[in-house]
């Protein structure tokens, strides 16, 4: 009798409230994943003298994935602004991020002109910014970052930010390259 390995596949990643995954997470990772301040500022600080750079991987109009539409409370297959970046320190990608915003809410937000500027550098300057609950996952990022085929994601987090009528889903995945450079534990 032949046996085969069965690995369940999910229609979309499993995201849980960050407090629910706390028991599986080391204290150093908790400080990164559960933080509510600017990830950009934290990366710059952790990188020390190494230069910080945002590498724009993709930006444009498309349809969000089902779990993204559900998180934003919009109908599936509605057009949205999509942005994927690698946040690099010293030339090494530490985080890959994907941001999604309903196209109808982008009026006057100036997000299309960000280029290789950090979304966080804009977002955390907004005086009326409200951050929704943070969710965490161990799912692989669905962002292509070609020069780091060896890097894998250890933890991912996401939350919905509200600002001036805009709902913006920000998903960030911390890579093994960051863990190696900062000597963080594997979990």
Protein backbone atom coordinates (compact mmCIF):
# COMPACT_ATOMS: atom_id res chain seq x y z
CA UNK A 1 0.00 0.00 0.00
CA UNK A 2 1.46 3.31 -1.07
CA UNK A 3 1.29 6.24 1.27
CA UNK A 4 1.31 9.83 0.32
CA UNK A 5 1.85 12.86 2.41
CA UNK A 6 -1.09 15.16 2.69
CA UNK A 7 -0.59 18.81 3.36
CA UNK A 8 -3.74 20.87 3.71
CA UNK A 9 -4.06 23.90 1.50
CA UNK A 10 -6.09 26.91 2.44
CA UNK A 11 -7.95 29.31 0.23
CA UNK A 12 -6.15 32.10 2.05
CA UNK A 13 -3.70 32.53 4.93
CA UNK A 14 -4.82 32.03 8.49
CA UNK A 15 -4.52 35.27 10.44
CA UNK A 16 -5.12 35.32 14.19
CA UNK A 17 -5.21 38.08 16.78
CA UNK A 18 -1.60 38.71 17.78
CA UNK A 19 -2.38 37.80 21.42
CA UNK A 20 -3.48 34.32 20.28
CA UNK A 21 -0.04 33.52 18.84
CA UNK A 22 1.86 35.03 21.78
CA UNK A 23 2.58 31.63 23.41
CA UNK A 24 4.37 30.44 20.24
CA UNK A 25 6.45 33.61 19.91
CA UNK A 26 9.71 34.48 21.65
CA UNK A 27 9.99 37.80 23.48
CA UNK A 28 12.29 39.36 20.84
CA UNK A 29 9.81 38.52 18.07
CA UNK A 30 6.88 39.76 20.16
CA UNK A 31 8.57 43.17 20.31
CA UNK A 32 8.62 43.27 16.49
CA UNK A 33 5.30 41.67 15.61
CA UNK A 34 3.11 43.28 18.29
CA UNK A 35 4.58 46.79 18.11
CA UNK A 36 2.18 49.53 17.13
CA UNK A 37 4.73 52.20 16.22
CA UNK A 38 6.32 52.75 12.81
CA UNK A 39 8.06 49.64 11.46
CA UNK A 40 10.16 51.88 9.21
CA UNK A 41 11.53 53.75 12.24
CA UNK A 42 12.23 50.47 14.05
CA UNK A 43 14.09 49.03 11.04
CA UNK A 44 16.20 52.17 10.63
CA UNK A 45 17.06 52.08 14.34
CA UNK A 46 17.89 48.35 14.32
CA UNK A 47 20.03 48.74 11.20
CA UNK A 48 22.34 51.22 12.88
CA UNK A 49 24.78 52.60 10.31
CA UNK A 50 23.52 50.34 7.52
CA UNK A 51 21.42 52.23 4.95
CA UNK A 52 17.66 51.70 4.83
CA UNK A 53 15.95 51.45 1.45
CA UNK A 54 12.47 50.75 0.18
CA UNK A 55 12.55 48.67 -2.99
CA UNK A 56 9.32 49.02 -4.93
CA UNK A 57 8.38 45.62 -6.31
CA UNK A 58 4.93 46.41 -7.69
CA UNK A 59 2.40 49.20 -7.54
CA UNK A 60 -0.82 49.52 -9.48
CA UNK A 61 -4.50 48.75 -9.71
CA UNK A 62 -5.76 45.21 -9.34
CA UNK A 63 -8.15 43.06 -7.41
CA UNK A 64 -7.35 42.22 -3.80
CA UNK A 65 -7.20 38.64 -2.65
CA UNK A 66 -10.27 37.29 -0.90
CA UNK A 67 -8.80 37.55 2.61
CA UNK A 68 -7.69 41.13 1.88
CA UNK A 69 -11.15 42.14 0.67
CA UNK A 70 -12.69 40.59 3.79
CA UNK A 71 -10.24 42.43 6.05
CA UNK A 72 -11.12 45.72 4.37
CA UNK A 73 -14.86 44.99 4.36
CA UNK A 74 -15.16 45.39 0.59
CA UNK A 75 -16.77 43.16 -1.99
CA UNK A 76 -14.47 40.63 -3.66
CA UNK A 77 -13.26 41.49 -7.15
CA UNK A 78 -13.50 45.24 -6.49
CA UNK A 79 -10.57 47.21 -7.83
CA UNK A 80 -7.99 48.36 -5.32
CA UNK A 81 -4.62 50.07 -5.16
CA UNK A 82 -1.95 47.43 -4.54
CA UNK A 83 1.63 48.07 -3.47
CA UNK A 84 4.38 45.55 -2.76
CA UNK A 85 7.78 46.51 -1.40
CA UNK A 86 10.88 45.04 0.16
CA UNK A 87 12.21 46.96 3.15
CA UNK A 88 15.97 46.54 2.96
CA UNK A 89 18.70 47.23 5.49
CA UNK A 90 22.27 47.22 4.27
CA UNK A 91 21.12 45.91 0.91
CA UNK A 92 19.42 42.87 2.44
CA UNK A 93 15.61 42.54 2.43
CA UNK A 94 14.40 42.29 6.03
CA UNK A 95 10.66 42.68 5.44
CA UNK A 96 8.35 42.32 2.48
CA UNK A 97 5.09 44.21 2.64
CA UNK A 98 1.85 44.39 0.68
CA UNK A 99 -0.61 47.23 1.08
CA UNK A 100 -4.16 47.32 -0.26
CA UNK A 101 -6.62 50.22 -0.38
CA UNK A 102 -10.04 50.44 -2.05
CA UNK A 103 -9.65 52.44 -5.23
CA UNK A 104 -12.76 54.51 -4.49
CA UNK A 105 -11.12 55.85 -1.28
CA UNK A 106 -7.84 57.09 -2.79
CA UNK A 107 -9.00 60.57 -3.76
CA UNK A 108 -6.48 63.13 -2.47
CA UNK A 109 -4.37 60.64 -0.50
CA UNK A 110 -1.18 61.02 -2.64
CA UNK A 111 -0.28 57.34 -2.28
CA UNK A 112 0.39 56.79 -5.97
CA UNK A 113 3.39 59.11 -5.80
CA UNK A 114 5.18 57.32 -2.94
CA UNK A 115 7.67 55.60 -5.25
CA UNK A 116 10.46 54.20 -3.10
CA UNK A 117 9.43 56.23 -0.08
CA UNK A 118 8.21 54.24 2.90
CA UNK A 119 4.44 54.08 3.31
CA UNK A 120 5.01 54.23 7.07
CA UNK A 121 6.85 57.55 6.76
CA UNK A 122 3.66 58.99 5.26
CA UNK A 123 1.14 57.04 7.30
CA UNK A 124 2.48 57.85 10.76
CA UNK A 125 2.44 61.58 9.98
CA UNK A 126 -1.36 61.57 9.65
CA UNK A 127 -2.85 63.18 12.79
CA UNK A 128 -6.16 61.26 12.57
CA UNK A 129 -4.57 57.84 12.03
CA UNK A 130 -6.31 54.92 13.72
CA UNK A 131 -4.76 51.47 13.63
CA UNK A 132 -7.01 48.43 13.86
CA UNK A 133 -6.08 45.28 15.74
CA UNK A 134 -2.89 43.49 14.72
CA UNK A 135 -3.24 39.98 13.38
CA UNK A 136 -0.32 37.57 13.00
CA UNK A 137 0.44 34.53 10.89
CA UNK A 138 3.20 32.12 10.03
CA UNK A 139 2.00 31.94 6.42
CA UNK A 140 4.42 32.59 3.59
CA UNK A 141 4.19 36.04 2.05
CA UNK A 142 2.46 36.24 -1.27
CA UNK A 143 4.91 38.86 -2.48
CA UNK A 144 7.63 38.02 -4.97
CA UNK A 145 11.07 39.20 -3.90
CA UNK A 146 13.39 37.67 -6.51
CA UNK A 147 16.87 38.43 -5.18
CA UNK A 148 16.15 36.70 -1.87
CA UNK A 149 15.06 33.27 -2.94
CA UNK A 150 16.84 31.93 0.14
CA UNK A 151 14.89 34.15 2.56
CA UNK A 152 11.73 32.84 4.13
CA UNK A 153 9.17 34.53 6.30
CA UNK A 154 9.13 33.70 10.00
CA UNK A 155 6.24 35.87 11.10
CA UNK A 156 3.71 38.02 9.30
CA UNK A 157 1.45 40.69 10.69
CA UNK A 158 -1.30 42.84 9.31
CA UNK A 159 -3.68 45.54 10.37
CA UNK A 160 -6.10 47.99 8.81
CA UNK A 161 -5.30 51.68 9.18
CA UNK A 162 -8.02 54.34 8.96
CA UNK A 163 -7.25 57.89 7.90
CA UNK A 164 -9.51 60.56 6.42
CA UNK A 165 -12.04 58.11 4.96
CA UNK A 166 -9.32 55.75 3.73
CA UNK A 167 -9.05 52.12 4.85
CA UNK A 168 -5.59 50.72 4.18
CA UNK A 169 -4.59 47.11 4.83
CA UNK A 170 -0.87 46.76 5.55
CA UNK A 171 0.66 43.27 5.62
CA UNK A 172 4.30 42.85 6.66
CA UNK A 173 6.37 39.66 6.66
CA UNK A 174 9.61 39.46 8.63
CA UNK A 175 12.26 37.49 6.76
CA UNK A 176 14.99 35.12 7.87
CA UNK A 177 17.55 37.62 6.58
CA UNK A 178 16.41 40.03 9.30
CA UNK A 179 16.48 37.30 11.93
CA UNK A 180 20.01 36.32 10.91
CA UNK A 181 21.31 39.90 10.85
CA UNK A 182 19.80 40.72 14.26
CA UNK A 183 20.47 37.25 15.72
CA UNK A 184 16.81 36.74 16.56
CA UNK A 185 15.55 33.26 17.53
CA UNK A 186 13.85 31.13 14.90
CA UNK A 187 10.45 31.75 16.52
